[in-house]
C-alpha atoms as a PDB file:
ATOM      1  CA  MET A   1      -4.537  -6.039   1.108  1.00  0.00           C
ATOM      2  CA  ALA A   2      -1.569  -4.564   3.531  1.00  0.00           C
ATOM      3  CA  ILE A   3       1.780  -3.257   2.157  1.00  0.00           C
ATOM      4  CA  GLN A   4       4.314  -3.697   4.569  1.00  0.00           C
ATOM      5  CA  MET A   5       6.964  -1.026   4.616  1.00  0.00           C
ATOM      6  CA  LYS A   6      10.250  -2.072   4.364  1.00  0.00           C
ATOM      7  CA  ASN A   7      11.963   0.409   2.160  1.00  0.00           C
ATOM      8  CA  SER A   8      11.246   4.301   1.406  1.00  0.00           C
ATOM      9  CA  VAL A   9       7.440   5.424   0.865  1.00  0.00           C
ATOM     10  CA  ASP A  10       8.844   6.352  -2.271  1.00  0.00           C
ATOM     11  CA  GLU A  11       9.558   3.382  -3.277  1.00  0.00           C
ATOM     12  CA  VAL A  12       5.917   1.988  -2.464  1.00  0.00           C
ATOM     13  CA  LEU A  13       4.292   4.674  -4.036  1.00  0.00           C
ATOM     14  CA  ILE A  14       5.507   4.074  -7.680  1.00  0.00           C
ATOM     15  CA  HIS A  15       3.229   1.298  -7.522  1.00  0.00           C
ATOM     16  CA  PHE A  16       0.136   3.344  -6.801  1.00  0.00           C
ATOM     17  CA  PRO A  17      -2.375   5.349  -9.245  1.00  0.00           C
ATOM     18  CA  ILE A  18      -2.051   9.076  -9.081  1.00  0.00           C
ATOM     19  CA  GLU A  19      -4.706  10.019  -7.179  1.00  0.00           C
ATOM     20  CA  ILE A  20      -3.904   7.741  -4.631  1.00  0.00           C
ATOM     21  CA  LYS A  21      -0.373   8.823  -4.199  1.00  0.00           C
ATOM     22  CA  SER A  22      -1.648  12.221  -3.888  1.00  0.00           C
ATOM     23  CA  GLU A  23      -3.989  11.057  -1.154  1.00  0.00           C
ATOM     24  CA  ILE A  24      -1.139   9.358   0.853  1.00  0.00           C
ATOM     25  CA  ALA A  25       1.605  12.308   0.318  1.00  0.00           C
ATOM     26  CA  GLN A  26      -0.669  14.632   2.241  1.00  0.00           C
ATOM     27  CA  CYS A  27       0.430  12.731   5.216  1.00  0.00           C
ATOM     28  CA  GLU A  28       4.315  13.228   3.744  1.00  0.00           C
ATOM     29  CA  ASN A  29       4.886  14.250   7.950  1.00  0.00           C
ATOM     30  CA  LEU A  30       4.546  10.362   8.967  1.00  0.00           C
ATOM     31  CA  PHE A  31       6.233   8.646   6.496  1.00  0.00           C
ATOM     32  CA  ASN A  32       9.217   8.247   8.726  1.00  0.00           C
ATOM     33  CA  SER A  33       7.076   6.138  11.396  1.00  0.00           C
ATOM     34  CA  LEU A  34       5.033   4.562   8.455  1.00  0.00           C
ATOM     35  CA  GLU A  35       4.339   0.531   8.762  1.00  0.00           C
ATOM     36  CA  GLU A  36       1.676  -0.596   6.088  1.00  0.00           C
ATOM     37  CA  ILE A  37      -0.527   1.042   3.802  1.00  0.00           C
ATOM     38  CA  ARG A  38      -4.504  -1.371   4.400  1.00  0.00           C
ATOM     39  CA  LEU A  39      -6.353  -1.554   1.305  1.00  0.00           C
ATOM     40  CA  ARG A  40     -10.048  -2.916   1.251  1.00  0.00           C
ATOM     41  CA  ALA A  41     -12.326  -2.446  -1.266  1.00  0.00           C
ATOM     42  CA  ASN A  42     -14.893  -0.040  -0.872  1.00  0.00           C
ATOM     43  CA  ARG A  43     -13.443   1.342   2.340  1.00  0.00           C
ATOM     44  CA  ASN A  44     -11.086   4.240   3.515  1.00  0.00           C
ATOM     45  CA  ILE A  45      -7.528   3.762   2.752  1.00  0.00           C
ATOM     46  CA  ILE A  46      -5.679   3.183   6.611  1.00  0.00           C
ATOM     47  CA  LEU A  47      -1.898   4.170   7.095  1.00  0.00           C
ATOM     48  CA  LYS A  48      -0.723   2.515  10.123  1.00  0.00           C
ATOM     49  CA  ILE A  49       1.812   4.248  11.945  1.00  0.00           C
ATOM     50  CA  GLY A  50       3.338   2.158  15.069  1.00  0.00           C
ATOM     51  CA  GLN A  51       0.358   1.324  17.210  1.00  0.00           C
ATOM     52  CA  GLU A  52      -1.741   4.293  15.848  1.00  0.00           C
ATOM     53  CA  GLU A  53      -3.925   4.561  12.528  1.00  0.00           C
ATOM     54  CA  LYS A  54      -4.715   7.121  10.175  1.00  0.00           C
ATOM     55  CA  ILE A  55      -7.852   6.998   8.236  1.00  0.00           C
ATOM     56  CA  LEU A  56      -7.670   8.934   4.728  1.00  0.00           C
ATOM     57  CA  ASN A  57     -10.380  10.297   3.460  1.00  0.00           C
ATOM     58  CA  TYR A  58     -10.538   8.483   0.209  1.00  0.00           C
ATOM     59  CA  VAL A  59     -12.217   5.651  -0.479  1.00  0.00           C
ATOM     60  CA  ILE A  60     -10.504   2.800  -2.733  1.00  0.00           C
ATOM     61  CA  ASN A  61     -12.454   0.405  -5.104  1.00  0.00           C
ATOM     62  CA  THR A  62     -11.757  -3.255  -6.436  1.00  0.00           C
ATOM     63  CA  GLU A  63     -10.175  -2.073  -9.523  1.00  0.00           C
ATOM     64  CA  ALA A  64      -7.369   0.266  -7.854  1.00  0.00           C
ATOM     65  CA  ILE A  65      -6.681  -2.478  -5.476  1.00  0.00           C
ATOM     66  CA  LEU A  66      -6.286  -4.966  -8.578  1.00  0.00           C
ATOM     67  CA  GLU A  67      -4.145  -1.984 -10.292  1.00  0.00           C
ATOM     68  CA  ILE A  68      -1.847  -1.969  -7.285  1.00  0.00           C
ATOM     69  CA  LEU A  69      -1.398  -5.624  -6.716  1.00  0.00           C
ATOM     70  CA  GLN A  70      -0.719  -5.974 -10.608  1.00  0.00           C
ATOM     71  CA  ARG A  71       2.067  -3.383 -10.610  1.00  0.00           C
ATOM     72  CA  ILE A  72       3.557  -4.773  -7.121  1.00  0.00           C
ATOM     73  CA  CYS A  73       3.569  -8.206  -8.512  1.00  0.00           C
ATOM     74  CA  ASP A  74       4.882  -7.255 -12.073  1.00  0.00           C
ATOM     75  CA  ASN A  75       1.888  -9.243 -13.343  1.00  0.00           C
ATOM     76  CA  SER A  76       3.164 -12.318 -11.716  1.00  0.00           C
ATOM     77  CA  ILE A  77       0.780 -12.478  -8.835  1.00  0.00           C
ATOM     78  CA  TYR A  78       1.865 -16.089  -8.159  1.00  0.00           C
ATOM     79  CA  THR A  79       5.049 -15.377  -7.255  1.00  0.00           C
ATOM     80  CA  TYR A  80       3.586 -13.576  -3.986  1.00  0.00           C
ATOM     81  CA  GLN A  81       0.905 -15.825  -3.284  1.00  0.00           C
ATOM     82  CA  ASN A  82       1.874 -17.009  -0.113  1.00  0.00           C
ATOM     83  CA  GLN A  83       1.782 -13.224   1.150  1.00  0.00           C
ATOM     84  CA  ILE A  84      -1.300 -12.823  -0.476  1.00  0.00           C
ATOM     85  CA  CYS A  85      -3.012 -15.395   1.358  1.00  0.00           C
ATOM     86  CA  ASN A  86      -1.913 -14.231   4.648  1.00  0.00           C
ATOM     87  CA  GLY A  87      -3.311 -10.962   4.094  1.00  0.00           C
ATOM     88  CA  TYR A  88      -0.164  -8.646   2.996  1.00  0.00           C
ATOM     89  CA  ILE A  89       2.348  -7.895   0.853  1.00  0.00           C
ATOM     90  CA  THR A  90       6.075  -7.216   1.570  1.00  0.00           C
ATOM     91  CA  ILE A  91       7.569  -5.180  -1.002  1.00  0.00           C
ATOM     92  CA  LYS A  92      11.568  -5.678  -1.061  1.00  0.00           C
ATOM     93  CA  GLY A  93      13.753  -2.744  -1.002  1.00  0.00           C
ATOM     94  CA  ARG A  94      15.883  -1.975  -3.973  1.00  0.00           C
ATOM     95  CA  THR A  95      19.573  -2.915  -4.090  1.00  0.00           C
END
């Protein structure tokens, strides 16, 4: 699952468990250029920054991905079905 960035990183990270937030927060200097957070079960988290990728030293498990997905979708995964089928979720900014 890839999460595309359309708003501030803080608005995205509220959906993540604390241990993953702290891993991503270590790359705070890259937040202005962060475009995408890639999550794949039993693989390292990848941050897409422009044309480059930063691989974090954190392997995410299936349960954590499901927890994040449920939080992002507000427990209504059906609403995001088309995006999920395309392999990403775009989180809308707050108005």
